[in-house]
Amino acid sequence: MREIDYNRLRKEMVEYQLKRNGIHNQAVLNAFQIVRRHIFVPVELSDRSYEDNPLPIGFDQTISQPYIVAYMIEKLSLNKHLRVLEIGTGSGYQTALLSCLCQKVYSVEINTELAKQAREVFAREGFYNIKIKLGDGYNGWKAHAPFDRIIVSCAPIDIPKTLTDQLAEGGKMIIPAGESYKQRLYLVEKKNGIMSQTELLPVRFVPMIFKN
């Protein structure tokens, strides 16, 4: 069997999928070069791991296409002093990228098995500034609020007030919202205690679900 050159594929992903489509933040590009996407997808799909497509990761969940992940992260204007809440750990790929760009990531995942798998990968790969909670994303993570940034990887119908309440003054949240096939990506900002939201682009994410 031909050995796959993942390093080359990762460089091509950064050059052709990200840079050529308008991702210019060098720290974001560096993170995509560092984090090995192929270890966050099922083994049988590892040869497709650097395609610019979402891929299934089991449990009716997906790993988002690289460009959309990069676009969302770039919009957050991250730095090493910021604390980030992530809703939807999933495979952990986006979480690992965030960990390269901020002080600490607090990630909430509703699926027990996905949370377990992500923790194992983080430990193996040396991503130590990540804390995962098993729970309902609609509730955020009040014990560690407020957060400088919030990123949501699944789509509620409406933007949850519980999440905007956990956003720090001057903070930013990026979130998809809306019904299937009518979702939009929004950038929410909090300035002087007032929330504003900007519609960015149409997207399609898995729905955010309640924990029974």
C-alpha atoms as a PDB file:
ATOM      1  CA  MET A   1       0.000   0.000   0.000  1.00  0.00           C
ATOM      2  CA  ARG A   2       1.300   3.459  -0.926  1.00  0.00           C
ATOM      3  CA  GLU A   3       2.238   5.535   2.098  1.00  0.00           C
ATOM      4  CA  ILE A   4       0.315   8.795   2.311  1.00  0.00           C
ATOM      5  CA  ASP A   5       2.376  11.979   2.644  1.00  0.00           C
ATOM      6  CA  TYR A   6       0.197  13.790   5.164  1.00  0.00           C
ATOM      7  CA  ASN A   7       2.682  16.639   5.587  1.00  0.00           C
ATOM      8  CA  ARG A   8       2.432  17.458   1.888  1.00  0.00           C
ATOM      9  CA  LEU A   9      -1.345  17.208   1.916  1.00  0.00           C
ATOM     10  CA  ARG A  10      -1.505  19.524   4.926  1.00  0.00           C
ATOM     11  CA  LYS A  11       0.697  22.114   3.203  1.00  0.00           C
ATOM     12  CA  GLU A  12      -1.481  21.920   0.095  1.00  0.00           C
ATOM     13  CA  MET A  13      -4.604  22.357   2.222  1.00  0.00           C
ATOM     14  CA  VAL A  14      -3.183  25.539   3.735  1.00  0.00           C
ATOM     15  CA  GLU A  15      -2.011  26.899   0.380  1.00  0.00           C
ATOM     16  CA  TYR A  16      -4.914  26.020  -1.903  1.00  0.00           C
ATOM     17  CA  GLN A  17      -7.952  25.766   0.378  1.00  0.00           C
ATOM     18  CA  LEU A  18      -7.179  28.462   2.930  1.00  0.00           C
ATOM     19  CA  LYS A  19      -4.813  31.097   1.526  1.00  0.00           C
ATOM     20  CA  ARG A  20      -6.379  31.163  -1.921  1.00  0.00           C
ATOM     21  CA  ASN A  21      -9.836  31.556  -0.404  1.00  0.00           C
ATOM     22  CA  GLY A  22      -8.950  34.571   1.706  1.00  0.00           C
ATOM     23  CA  ILE A  23      -7.590  33.231   5.002  1.00  0.00           C
ATOM     24  CA  HIS A  24      -4.627  35.508   5.729  1.00  0.00           C
ATOM     25  CA  ASN A  25      -4.050  35.436   9.490  1.00  0.00           C
ATOM     26  CA  GLN A  26      -0.619  33.847   9.812  1.00  0.00           C
ATOM     27  CA  ALA A  27      -1.244  32.414  13.277  1.00  0.00           C
ATOM     28  CA  VAL A  28      -4.364  30.656  11.975  1.00  0.00           C
ATOM     29  CA  LEU A  29      -2.473  29.298   8.970  1.00  0.00           C
ATOM     30  CA  ASN A  30       0.319  28.081  11.254  1.00  0.00           C
ATOM     31  CA  ALA A  31      -2.179  26.245  13.455  1.00  0.00           C
ATOM     32  CA  PHE A  32      -3.613  24.446  10.420  1.00  0.00           C
ATOM     33  CA  GLN A  33      -0.092  23.457   9.453  1.00  0.00           C
ATOM     34  CA  ILE A  34       0.635  22.106  12.940  1.00  0.00           C
ATOM     35  CA  VAL A  35      -2.557  20.184  13.759  1.00  0.00           C
ATOM     36  CA  ARG A  36      -2.763  16.846  11.976  1.00  0.00           C
ATOM     37  CA  ARG A  37      -6.330  16.576  10.680  1.00  0.00           C
ATOM     38  CA  HIS A  38      -5.951  12.931   9.650  1.00  0.00           C
ATOM     39  CA  ILE A  39      -5.774  11.765  13.276  1.00  0.00           C
ATOM     40  CA  PHE A  40      -9.179  13.325  13.991  1.00  0.00           C
ATOM     41  CA  VAL A  41     -11.092  11.363  11.343  1.00  0.00           C
ATOM     42  CA  PRO A  42     -11.965   7.648  11.242  1.00  0.00           C
ATOM     43  CA  VAL A  43      -9.061   5.530  10.012  1.00  0.00           C
ATOM     44  CA  GLU A  44     -10.979   4.403   6.933  1.00  0.00           C
ATOM     45  CA  LEU A  45     -11.294   8.057   5.861  1.00  0.00           C
ATOM     46  CA  SER A  46      -7.756   9.172   6.654  1.00  0.00           C
ATOM     47  CA  ASP A  47      -6.813   9.279   2.967  1.00  0.00           C
ATOM     48  CA  ARG A  48      -9.543  11.927   2.493  1.00  0.00           C
ATOM     49  CA  SER A  49      -8.718  13.923   5.608  1.00  0.00           C
ATOM     50  CA  TYR A  50      -7.270  16.948   3.796  1.00  0.00           C
ATOM     51  CA  GLU A  51     -10.058  17.346   1.266  1.00  0.00           C
ATOM     52  CA  ASP A  52     -12.032  20.581   1.522  1.00  0.00           C
ATOM     53  CA  ASN A  53     -15.153  18.739   2.603  1.00  0.00           C
ATOM     54  CA  PRO A  54     -16.902  17.789   5.826  1.00  0.00           C
ATOM     55  CA  LEU A  55     -16.421  14.137   6.757  1.00  0.00           C
ATOM     56  CA  PRO A  56     -18.528  11.823   8.948  1.00  0.00           C
ATOM     57  CA  ILE A  57     -17.074  10.960  12.365  1.00  0.00           C
ATOM     58  CA  GLY A  58     -19.909   8.711  13.565  1.00  0.00           C
ATOM     59  CA  PHE A  59     -22.923   9.339  15.791  1.00  0.00           C
ATOM     60  CA  ASP A  60     -24.529  11.452  13.018  1.00  0.00           C
ATOM     61  CA  GLN A  61     -21.785  14.057  13.466  1.00  0.00           C
ATOM     62  CA  THR A  62     -19.214  15.488  11.066  1.00  0.00           C
ATOM     63  CA  ILE A  63     -15.847  17.185  11.044  1.00  0.00           C
ATOM     64  CA  SER A  64     -16.373  20.499   9.240  1.00  0.00           C
ATOM     65  CA  GLN A  65     -14.583  21.424   6.029  1.00  0.00           C
ATOM     66  CA  PRO A  66     -11.202  23.087   6.707  1.00  0.00           C
ATOM     67  CA  TYR A  67     -12.088  26.396   5.071  1.00  0.00           C
ATOM     68  CA  ILE A  68     -15.202  26.944   7.200  1.00  0.00           C
ATOM     69  CA  VAL A  69     -13.276  26.116  10.376  1.00  0.00           C
ATOM     70  CA  ALA A  70     -10.520  28.552   9.386  1.00  0.00           C
ATOM     71  CA  TYR A  71     -13.033  31.249   8.464  1.00  0.00           C
ATOM     72  CA  MET A  72     -14.810  30.959  11.821  1.00  0.00           C
ATOM     73  CA  ILE A  73     -11.592  30.953  13.814  1.00  0.00           C
ATOM     74  CA  GLU A  74     -10.137  33.916  11.911  1.00  0.00           C
ATOM     75  CA  LYS A  75     -13.293  35.970  12.616  1.00  0.00           C
ATOM     76  CA  LEU A  76     -12.713  35.553  16.362  1.00  0.00           C
ATOM     77  CA  SER A  77      -9.380  37.478  16.327  1.00  0.00           C
ATOM     78  CA  LEU A  78      -7.753  35.158  18.838  1.00  0.00           C
ATOM     79  CA  ASN A  79      -4.612  35.682  20.884  1.00  0.00           C
ATOM     80  CA  LYS A  80      -2.786  33.844  23.666  1.00  0.00           C
ATOM     81  CA  HIS A  81      -4.487  35.856  26.415  1.00  0.00           C
ATOM     82  CA  LEU A  82      -8.048  34.784  25.594  1.00  0.00           C
ATOM     83  CA  ARG A  83     -10.274  32.089  27.056  1.00  0.00           C
ATOM     84  CA  VAL A  84     -12.549  30.354  24.561  1.00  0.00           C
ATOM     85  CA  LEU A  85     -15.756  28.375  25.005  1.00  0.00           C
ATOM     86  CA  GLU A  86     -16.394  25.835  22.265  1.00  0.00           C
ATOM     87  CA  ILE A  87     -19.796  24.207  21.886  1.00  0.00           C
ATOM     88  CA  GLY A  88     -19.455  20.847  20.134  1.00  0.00           C
ATOM     89  CA  THR A  89     -16.065  19.181  20.600  1.00  0.00           C
ATOM     90  CA  GLY A  90     -16.853  16.544  17.984  1.00  0.00           C
ATOM     91  CA  SER A  91     -13.667  14.919  16.771  1.00  0.00           C
ATOM     92  CA  GLY A  92     -11.582  17.550  18.575  1.00  0.00           C
ATOM     93  CA  TYR A  93      -9.938  18.964  15.440  1.00  0.00           C
ATOM     94  CA  GLN A  94     -11.252  22.499  15.837  1.00  0.00           C
ATOM     95  CA  THR A  95     -10.549  22.305  19.580  1.00  0.00           C
ATOM     96  CA  ALA A  96      -6.906  21.492  18.894  1.00  0.00           C
ATOM     97  CA  LEU A  97      -6.624  24.395  16.451  1.00  0.00           C
ATOM     98  CA  LEU A  98      -8.099  26.766  19.029  1.00  0.00           C
ATOM     99  CA  SER A  99      -5.664  25.501  21.654  1.00  0.00           C
ATOM    100  CA  CYS A 100      -2.773  26.692  19.470  1.00  0.00           C
ATOM    101  CA  LEU A 101      -4.221  30.197  19.332  1.00  0.00           C
ATOM    102  CA  CYS A 102      -5.576  31.029  22.786  1.00  0.00           C
ATOM    103  CA  GLN A 103      -4.832  30.656  26.482  1.00  0.00           C
ATOM    104  CA  LYS A 104      -7.368  27.914  27.246  1.00  0.00           C
ATOM    105  CA  VAL A 105     -10.258  26.136  25.530  1.00  0.00           C
ATOM    106  CA  TYR A 106     -13.349  25.025  27.439  1.00  0.00           C
ATOM    107  CA  SER A 107     -15.201  22.598  25.201  1.00  0.00           C
ATOM    108  CA  VAL A 108     -18.661  21.109  25.734  1.00  0.00           C
ATOM    109  CA  GLU A 109     -19.646  17.858  23.997  1.00  0.00           C
ATOM    110  CA  ILE A 110     -22.976  16.046  24.332  1.00  0.00           C
ATOM    111  CA  ASN A 111     -21.802  12.632  23.066  1.00  0.00           C
ATOM    112  CA  THR A 112     -19.948  10.506  25.630  1.00  0.00           C
ATOM    113  CA  GLU A 113     -17.935   8.510  23.108  1.00  0.00           C
ATOM    114  CA  LEU A 114     -16.823  11.531  21.083  1.00  0.00           C
ATOM    115  CA  ALA A 115     -15.712  13.304  24.268  1.00  0.00           C
ATOM    116  CA  LYS A 116     -13.737  10.215  25.316  1.00  0.00           C
ATOM    117  CA  GLN A 117     -12.058   9.880  21.915  1.00  0.00           C
ATOM    118  CA  ALA A 118     -11.161  13.573  21.829  1.00  0.00           C
ATOM    119  CA  ARG A 119      -9.592  13.454  25.300  1.00  0.00           C
ATOM    120  CA  GLU A 120      -7.450  10.500  24.228  1.00  0.00           C
ATOM    121  CA  VAL A 121      -6.212  12.297  21.098  1.00  0.00           C
ATOM    122  CA  PHE A 122      -5.432  15.499  23.023  1.00  0.00           C
ATOM    123  CA  ALA A 123      -3.388  13.559  25.574  1.00  0.00           C
ATOM    124  CA  ARG A 124      -1.543  11.649  22.877  1.00  0.00           C
ATOM    125  CA  GLU A 125      -0.805  14.763  20.808  1.00  0.00           C
ATOM    126  CA  GLY A 126       0.119  17.001  23.725  1.00  0.00           C
ATOM    127  CA  PHE A 127      -2.728  19.516  23.690  1.00  0.00           C
ATOM    128  CA  TYR A 128      -2.894  20.311  27.384  1.00  0.00           C
ATOM    129  CA  ASN A 129      -4.723  23.664  27.546  1.00  0.00           C
ATOM    130  CA  ILE A 130      -8.096  22.045  26.807  1.00  0.00           C
ATOM    131  CA  LYS A 131     -10.813  21.206  29.296  1.00  0.00           C
ATOM    132  CA  ILE A 132     -13.787  19.085  28.126  1.00  0.00           C
ATOM    133  CA  LYS A 133     -17.184  18.853  29.755  1.00  0.00           C
ATOM    134  CA  LEU A 134     -19.822  16.279  28.870  1.00  0.00           C
ATOM    135  CA  GLY A 135     -23.099  18.135  28.700  1.00  0.00           C
ATOM    136  CA  ASP A 136     -25.724  20.164  26.879  1.00  0.00           C
ATOM    137  CA  GLY A 137     -24.253  22.898  24.711  1.00  0.00           C
ATOM    138  CA  TYR A 138     -27.317  25.082  25.237  1.00  0.00           C
ATOM    139  CA  ASN A 139     -26.168  25.538  28.843  1.00  0.00           C
ATOM    140  CA  GLY A 140     -22.632  26.608  27.953  1.00  0.00           C
ATOM    141  CA  TRP A 141     -20.228  26.329  30.897  1.00  0.00           C
ATOM    142  CA  LYS A 142     -21.375  28.801  33.522  1.00  0.00           C
ATOM    143  CA  ALA A 143     -18.758  27.798  36.106  1.00  0.00           C
ATOM    144  CA  HIS A 144     -15.966  29.212  33.919  1.00  0.00           C
ATOM    145  CA  ALA A 145     -17.870  32.162  32.413  1.00  0.00           C
ATOM    146  CA  PRO A 146     -17.493  34.831  31.206  1.00  0.00           C
ATOM    147  CA  PHE A 147     -15.565  33.845  28.078  1.00  0.00           C
ATOM    148  CA  ASP A 148     -13.628  36.168  25.782  1.00  0.00           C
ATOM    149  CA  ARG A 149     -14.711  34.194  22.753  1.00  0.00           C
ATOM    150  CA  ILE A 150     -17.355  31.556  21.997  1.00  0.00           C
ATOM    151  CA  ILE A 151     -17.432  29.316  18.936  1.00  0.00           C
ATOM    152  CA  VAL A 152     -20.352  27.011  18.193  1.00  0.00           C
ATOM    153  CA  SER A 153     -19.999  24.000  15.894  1.00  0.00           C
ATOM    154  CA  CYS A 154     -23.666  23.006  15.663  1.00  0.00           C
ATOM    155  CA  ALA A 155     -26.737  24.999  14.717  1.00  0.00           C
ATOM    156  CA  PRO A 156     -29.581  25.960  17.062  1.00  0.00           C
ATOM    157  CA  ILE A 157     -32.717  27.438  15.521  1.00  0.00           C
ATOM    158  CA  ASP A 158     -32.135  30.673  17.435  1.00  0.00           C
ATOM    159  CA  ILE A 159     -29.026  32.024  19.158  1.00  0.00           C
ATOM    160  CA  PRO A 160     -29.272  30.830  22.810  1.00  0.00           C
ATOM    161  CA  LYS A 161     -29.391  33.616  25.406  1.00  0.00           C
ATOM    162  CA  THR A 162     -27.544  31.323  27.811  1.00  0.00           C
ATOM    163  CA  LEU A 163     -24.504  31.623  25.542  1.00  0.00           C
ATOM    164  CA  THR A 164     -24.675  35.369  24.948  1.00  0.00           C
ATOM    165  CA  ASP A 165     -24.992  35.788  28.745  1.00  0.00           C
ATOM    166  CA  GLN A 166     -21.665  33.956  29.129  1.00  0.00           C
ATOM    167  CA  LEU A 167     -19.842  36.267  26.716  1.00  0.00           C
ATOM    168  CA  ALA A 168     -17.467  38.760  28.346  1.00  0.00           C
ATOM    169  CA  GLU A 169     -17.615  42.480  27.712  1.00  0.00           C
ATOM    170  CA  GLY A 170     -15.806  43.134  24.433  1.00  0.00           C
ATOM    171  CA  GLY A 171     -16.211  39.484  23.526  1.00  0.00           C
ATOM    172  CA  LYS A 172     -17.118  37.794  20.246  1.00  0.00           C
ATOM    173  CA  MET A 173     -19.137  34.708  19.436  1.00  0.00           C
ATOM    174  CA  ILE A 174     -19.431  32.984  16.076  1.00  0.00           C
ATOM    175  CA  ILE A 175     -22.406  30.682  15.646  1.00  0.00           C
ATOM    176  CA  PRO A 176     -24.521  29.074  12.905  1.00  0.00           C
ATOM    177  CA  ALA A 177     -28.259  29.343  13.469  1.00  0.00           C
ATOM    178  CA  GLY A 178     -31.514  28.608  11.681  1.00  0.00           C
ATOM    179  CA  GLU A 179     -33.502  25.697  10.351  1.00  0.00           C
ATOM    180  CA  SER A 180     -31.911  23.113   8.056  1.00  0.00           C
ATOM    181  CA  TYR A 181     -31.099  24.513   4.597  1.00  0.00           C
ATOM    182  CA  LYS A 182     -31.758  28.036   5.947  1.00  0.00           C
ATOM    183  CA  GLN A 183     -28.827  28.365   8.314  1.00  0.00           C
ATOM    184  CA  ARG A 184     -26.662  31.474   8.468  1.00  0.00           C
ATOM    185  CA  LEU A 185     -23.371  32.083  10.225  1.00  0.00           C
ATOM    186  CA  TYR A 186     -23.441  35.026  12.638  1.00  0.00           C
ATOM    187  CA  LEU A 187     -20.783  37.046  14.426  1.00  0.00           C
ATOM    188  CA  VAL A 188     -22.143  38.283  17.762  1.00  0.00           C
ATOM    189  CA  GLU A 189     -20.267  41.037  19.620  1.00  0.00           C
ATOM    190  CA  LYS A 190     -20.780  42.516  23.074  1.00  0.00           C
ATOM    191  CA  LYS A 191     -19.876  46.188  23.495  1.00  0.00           C
ATOM    192  CA  ASN A 192     -20.890  48.304  26.490  1.00  0.00           C
ATOM    193  CA  GLY A 193     -23.243  45.519  27.511  1.00  0.00           C
ATOM    194  CA  ILE A 194     -25.099  45.642  24.201  1.00  0.00           C
ATOM    195  CA  MET A 195     -25.204  42.674  21.798  1.00  0.00           C
ATOM    196  CA  SER A 196     -24.941  43.175  18.056  1.00  0.00           C
ATOM    197  CA  GLN A 197     -24.945  40.497  15.386  1.00  0.00           C
ATOM    198  CA  THR A 198     -23.654  40.438  11.830  1.00  0.00           C
ATOM    199  CA  GLU A 199     -24.817  37.879   9.281  1.00  0.00           C
ATOM    200  CA  LEU A 200     -21.793  36.442   7.494  1.00  0.00           C
ATOM    201  CA  LEU A 201     -22.700  33.656   5.058  1.00  0.00           C
ATOM    202  CA  PRO A 202     -25.033  30.701   4.455  1.00  0.00           C
ATOM    203  CA  VAL A 203     -23.832  27.442   6.013  1.00  0.00           C
ATOM    204  CA  ARG A 204     -25.000  23.932   6.789  1.00  0.00           C
ATOM    205  CA  PHE A 205     -24.157  22.444  10.182  1.00  0.00           C
ATOM    206  CA  VAL A 206     -25.546  19.532  12.159  1.00  0.00           C
ATOM    207  CA  PRO A 207     -28.309  20.726  14.499  1.00  0.00           C
ATOM    208  CA  MET A 208     -27.620  21.554  18.128  1.00  0.00           C
ATOM    209  CA  ILE A 209     -29.489  19.029  20.259  1.00  0.00           C
ATOM    210  CA  PHE A 210     -30.786  19.051  23.813  1.00  0.00           C
ATOM    211  CA  LYS A 211     -29.499  16.521  26.310  1.00  0.00           C
ATOM    212  CA  ASN A 212     -32.389  14.367  27.534  1.00  0.00           C
END
